Amino acid sequence: MYRDTQTVPGGGFTLLGVTGLSFLTPGWAANALGCAAAHAQLADWIFRQHGILLIVLLLLYGLGGFIILVGAAVAVVTAVVALMRALSMVKAWGVRASVATASFLGALMYWPVQNLFELLWDALQRHVVQRYFAPVAAILNEQDELRRMYREEYAGDFPSFRAFLRSWRAHQEGEQAASDTDPLQKAIRLMGLPKKFTKDDLIQRFHKLIAGIHPDKVGPNELATLLIDAYKLICSRKAWQ
């Protein structure tokens, strides 16, 4: 049966070249190792043989050269692979070092910027937001609470939320006017007391306020007189002895 075969181009020349290198390699290796004289004696001894022994020795000589050649090729390939791995490790280390350095420099540059931004933001909140927007937020929260109260409690008493709001504000203004003219409320504000307080709260607050300005210590003064009068008025109105 006819079988189509393909020959590798240059295969014969490659085999011939490998064979030649196998016979030349022992000599090169001996010269590199400083054993050229011993190699010359070995080669002379081989070529003095005859017949089958000469052929066997030449084959062994070539086989030894081929083994040396393969070992050298393996060593070169191993060295190239190790070098490539070393270069890859150095590259990876360089990338990690660059990233770490960039992160450190970025953090070093970001830290003062962050602190400056925080200082500016604190100043903005302290001088602008709290001054201009906090009252607006308080008004909006009050409006929401009033709307809730209107829906849940006063929707049936007023035709609209605006009517309820007008009545609520009038009531608040009336209470404020009454507290401004009521001597008891004036006395409570002077003493700095909350809306709900006990007799003990009044006594503790009075002793705390009068401690530094008592007439027995600094002599008669208007503030002490006002505090004493306020204390007596509150006790009188509350019927506290």
Protein backbone atom coordinates (compact mmCIF):
# COMPACT_ATOMS: atom_id res chain seq x y z
CA MET A 1 0.00 0.00 0.00
CA TYR A 2 1.30 3.42 -0.96
CA ARG A 3 1.57 5.77 2.04
CA ASP A 4 2.10 9.48 1.64
CA THR A 5 5.02 10.54 3.86
CA GLN A 6 6.26 14.00 4.55
CA THR A 7 9.81 14.73 5.57
CA VAL A 8 10.70 17.56 7.86
CA PRO A 9 12.70 20.17 5.92
CA GLY A 10 16.28 20.28 7.10
CA GLY A 11 15.88 17.15 9.24
CA GLY A 12 19.01 15.55 7.80
CA PHE A 13 21.10 18.65 8.33
CA THR A 14 19.82 18.93 11.91
CA LEU A 15 20.77 15.29 12.66
CA LEU A 16 24.15 15.79 11.06
CA GLY A 17 24.70 18.97 13.05
CA VAL A 18 23.72 17.31 16.34
CA THR A 19 26.06 14.38 15.55
CA GLY A 20 28.93 16.75 14.79
CA LEU A 21 28.33 18.73 17.96
CA SER A 22 28.20 15.49 19.97
CA PHE A 23 31.75 14.61 18.79
CA LEU A 24 33.04 18.17 19.25
CA THR A 25 31.51 18.80 22.68
CA PRO A 26 33.92 16.54 24.69
CA GLY A 27 36.87 18.48 23.31
CA TRP A 28 35.30 21.84 24.15
CA ALA A 29 34.39 20.64 27.63
CA ALA A 30 37.95 19.33 28.20
CA ASN A 31 39.43 22.66 27.07
CA ALA A 32 37.01 24.57 29.31
CA LEU A 33 37.98 22.38 32.29
CA GLY A 34 41.70 22.54 31.58
CA CYS A 35 41.92 18.83 30.65
CA ALA A 36 42.95 19.25 27.01
CA ALA A 37 46.06 16.98 27.39
CA ALA A 38 44.09 14.14 28.93
CA HIS A 39 41.42 14.48 26.23
CA ALA A 40 44.10 14.36 23.52
CA GLN A 41 45.54 11.16 25.03
CA LEU A 42 42.05 9.62 25.17
CA ALA A 43 41.32 10.50 21.57
CA ASP A 44 44.73 9.14 20.45
CA TRP A 45 44.07 5.87 22.32
CA ILE A 46 40.63 5.51 20.72
CA PHE A 47 41.90 6.03 17.19
CA ARG A 48 44.68 3.43 17.71
CA GLN A 49 42.02 0.77 18.10
CA HIS A 50 40.74 -1.29 15.20
CA GLY A 51 37.54 -2.93 14.01
CA ILE A 52 34.45 -3.26 16.14
CA LEU A 53 36.20 -1.86 19.21
CA LEU A 54 36.96 1.40 17.38
CA ILE A 55 33.33 1.76 16.31
CA VAL A 56 32.06 1.05 19.83
CA LEU A 57 34.48 3.54 21.39
CA LEU A 58 33.53 6.21 18.85
CA LEU A 59 29.84 5.63 19.56
CA LEU A 60 30.49 5.90 23.29
CA TYR A 61 32.57 9.02 22.70
CA GLY A 62 29.75 10.59 20.66
CA LEU A 63 27.15 9.46 23.22
CA GLY A 64 29.13 11.12 25.98
CA GLY A 65 29.35 14.31 23.92
CA PHE A 66 25.60 14.16 23.27
CA ILE A 67 24.91 13.77 27.00
CA ILE A 68 27.12 16.76 27.72
CA LEU A 69 25.37 18.73 24.97
CA VAL A 70 21.88 17.85 26.33
CA GLY A 71 22.99 18.71 29.86
CA ALA A 72 24.31 22.06 28.69
CA ALA A 73 21.06 22.75 26.83
CA VAL A 74 19.03 21.81 29.91
CA ALA A 75 21.22 24.05 32.06
CA VAL A 76 20.78 26.94 29.64
CA VAL A 77 17.00 26.47 29.52
CA THR A 78 16.85 26.17 33.32
CA ALA A 79 18.92 29.34 33.69
CA VAL A 80 16.67 31.20 31.25
CA VAL A 81 13.52 30.05 33.09
CA ALA A 82 15.04 31.00 36.46
CA LEU A 83 16.05 34.39 35.05
CA MET A 84 12.55 34.97 33.69
CA ARG A 85 11.04 34.00 37.05
CA ALA A 86 13.46 36.30 38.84
CA LEU A 87 12.57 39.14 36.49
CA SER A 88 8.85 38.42 37.04
CA MET A 89 9.35 38.49 40.82
CA VAL A 90 11.34 41.72 40.59
CA LYS A 91 8.62 43.21 38.41
CA ALA A 92 5.89 42.15 40.85
CA TRP A 93 7.91 43.50 43.77
CA GLY A 94 8.44 46.75 41.89
CA VAL A 95 4.70 47.04 41.21
CA ARG A 96 3.86 46.38 44.88
CA ALA A 97 6.52 48.83 46.01
CA SER A 98 5.19 51.45 43.59
CA VAL A 99 1.61 50.92 44.79
CA ALA A 100 2.68 51.09 48.45
CA THR A 101 4.73 54.23 47.81
CA ALA A 102 1.87 55.85 45.91
CA SER A 103 -0.58 54.95 48.70
CA PHE A 104 1.76 56.37 51.34
CA LEU A 105 2.31 59.59 49.39
CA GLY A 106 -1.42 59.85 48.71
CA ALA A 107 -2.23 59.43 52.40
CA LEU A 108 0.52 61.90 53.29
CA MET A 109 -0.94 64.46 50.90
CA TYR A 110 -4.57 63.69 51.84
CA TRP A 111 -4.07 64.06 55.59
CA PRO A 112 -3.53 67.86 55.68
CA VAL A 113 -6.23 68.35 53.05
CA GLN A 114 -8.67 66.29 55.13
CA ASN A 115 -7.83 68.19 58.31
CA LEU A 116 -8.20 71.51 56.52
CA PHE A 117 -11.54 70.43 55.07
CA GLU A 118 -12.75 69.31 58.52
CA LEU A 119 -11.73 72.63 60.05
CA LEU A 120 -13.50 74.55 57.29
CA TRP A 121 -16.58 72.35 57.60
CA ASP A 122 -16.69 72.83 61.37
CA ALA A 123 -16.38 76.58 60.93
CA LEU A 124 -19.08 76.52 58.26
CA GLN A 125 -21.42 74.55 60.52
CA ARG A 126 -20.67 76.75 63.51
CA HIS A 127 -20.99 80.14 61.81
CA VAL A 128 -23.32 79.53 58.87
CA VAL A 129 -25.42 76.40 59.26
CA GLN A 130 -26.27 76.90 62.93
CA ARG A 131 -26.80 80.62 62.45
CA TYR A 132 -28.94 80.61 59.32
CA PHE A 133 -30.24 77.09 58.72
CA ALA A 134 -30.83 75.80 62.26
CA PRO A 135 -33.70 78.26 62.83
CA VAL A 136 -35.20 77.24 59.50
CA ALA A 137 -34.95 73.56 60.49
CA ALA A 138 -36.58 74.33 63.84
CA ILE A 139 -39.42 76.18 62.10
CA LEU A 140 -39.95 73.28 59.66
CA ASN A 141 -39.98 70.77 62.52
CA GLU A 142 -42.51 72.93 64.37
CA GLN A 143 -44.67 73.10 61.25
CA ASP A 144 -44.59 69.30 60.90
CA GLU A 145 -45.57 68.84 64.54
CA LEU A 146 -48.41 71.35 64.23
CA ARG A 147 -49.70 69.61 61.11
CA ARG A 148 -49.69 66.30 62.99
CA MET A 149 -51.57 67.88 65.90
CA TYR A 150 -54.10 69.41 63.49
CA ARG A 151 -54.76 66.08 61.73
CA GLU A 152 -55.01 64.03 64.91
CA GLU A 153 -56.73 66.42 67.35
CA TYR A 154 -58.05 69.66 65.82
CA ALA A 155 -59.16 68.80 62.27
CA GLY A 156 -62.80 68.85 63.38
CA ASP A 157 -62.50 72.23 65.16
CA PHE A 158 -60.91 74.27 62.34
CA PRO A 159 -61.82 74.41 58.62
CA SER A 160 -58.17 74.38 57.53
CA PHE A 161 -54.65 74.07 58.84
CA ARG A 162 -54.06 77.79 58.27
CA ALA A 163 -56.98 78.65 60.55
CA PHE A 164 -55.61 76.32 63.21
CA LEU A 165 -52.14 77.85 62.79
CA ARG A 166 -53.47 81.40 63.23
CA SER A 167 -55.34 80.37 66.38
CA TRP A 168 -52.29 78.57 67.73
CA ARG A 169 -50.01 81.55 67.19
CA ALA A 170 -52.53 83.92 68.77
CA HIS A 171 -52.73 81.62 71.78
CA GLN A 172 -48.93 81.45 72.07
CA GLU A 173 -48.62 85.23 71.79
CA GLY A 174 -51.31 85.63 74.47
CA GLU A 175 -49.47 83.31 76.83
CA GLN A 176 -46.20 85.16 76.18
CA ALA A 177 -47.85 88.53 76.87
CA ALA A 178 -49.43 87.16 80.04
CA SER A 179 -46.11 85.77 81.23
CA ASP A 180 -44.42 89.10 80.51
CA THR A 181 -46.92 90.96 82.73
CA ASP A 182 -47.37 88.30 85.42
CA PRO A 183 -45.05 89.00 88.39
CA LEU A 184 -44.90 85.30 89.20
CA GLN A 185 -43.63 84.42 85.72
CA LYS A 186 -41.10 87.24 85.91
CA ALA A 187 -39.86 85.90 89.23
CA ILE A 188 -39.59 82.36 87.84
CA ARG A 189 -37.57 83.59 84.86
CA LEU A 190 -35.33 85.66 87.13
CA MET A 191 -34.59 82.58 89.25
CA GLY A 192 -33.94 80.49 86.13
CA LEU A 193 -36.43 77.81 87.15
CA PRO A 194 -38.12 75.37 84.76
CA LYS A 195 -41.87 75.39 84.19
CA LYS A 196 -42.37 72.58 86.68
CA PHE A 197 -40.36 72.82 89.88
CA THR A 198 -40.65 71.87 93.54
CA LYS A 199 -40.01 73.77 96.75
CA ASP A 200 -36.63 72.02 97.11
CA ASP A 201 -35.71 73.12 93.56
CA LEU A 202 -36.56 76.70 94.50
CA ILE A 203 -34.54 76.61 97.73
CA GLN A 204 -31.46 75.06 96.08
CA ARG A 205 -31.61 77.52 93.20
CA PHE A 206 -32.02 80.50 95.54
CA HIS A 207 -29.08 79.50 97.75
CA LYS A 208 -26.92 78.94 94.69
CA LEU A 209 -27.71 82.38 93.21
CA ILE A 210 -27.56 84.35 96.44
CA ALA A 211 -24.32 82.76 97.67
CA GLY A 212 -21.99 85.21 95.98
CA ILE A 213 -24.09 88.40 96.27
CA HIS A 214 -25.67 88.13 99.71
CA PRO A 215 -25.86 91.53 101.45
CA ASP A 216 -24.04 90.08 104.49
CA LYS A 217 -21.02 89.45 102.25
CA VAL A 218 -20.92 92.28 99.70
CA GLY A 219 -23.37 94.73 101.19
CA PRO A 220 -26.78 95.81 99.92
CA ASN A 221 -27.17 95.46 96.15
CA GLU A 222 -30.04 95.56 93.70
CA LEU A 223 -29.62 92.03 92.35
CA ALA A 224 -29.76 90.46 95.79
CA THR A 225 -32.91 92.48 96.55
CA LEU A 226 -34.53 91.26 93.30
CA LEU A 227 -33.66 87.61 94.08
CA ILE A 228 -34.99 87.85 97.64
CA ASP A 229 -38.20 89.50 96.46
CA ALA A 230 -38.62 86.88 93.72
CA TYR A 231 -38.08 84.06 96.22
CA LYS A 232 -40.65 85.52 98.63
CA LEU A 233 -43.17 86.06 95.81
CA ILE A 234 -42.90 82.50 94.55
CA CYS A 235 -43.25 81.08 98.06
CA SER A 236 -46.29 83.31 98.62
CA ARG A 237 -47.99 82.33 95.35
CA LYS A 238 -47.25 78.64 95.87
CA ALA A 239 -48.25 78.79 99.55
CA TRP A 240 -44.90 77.43 100.58
CA GLN A 241 -43.90 78.24 104.15
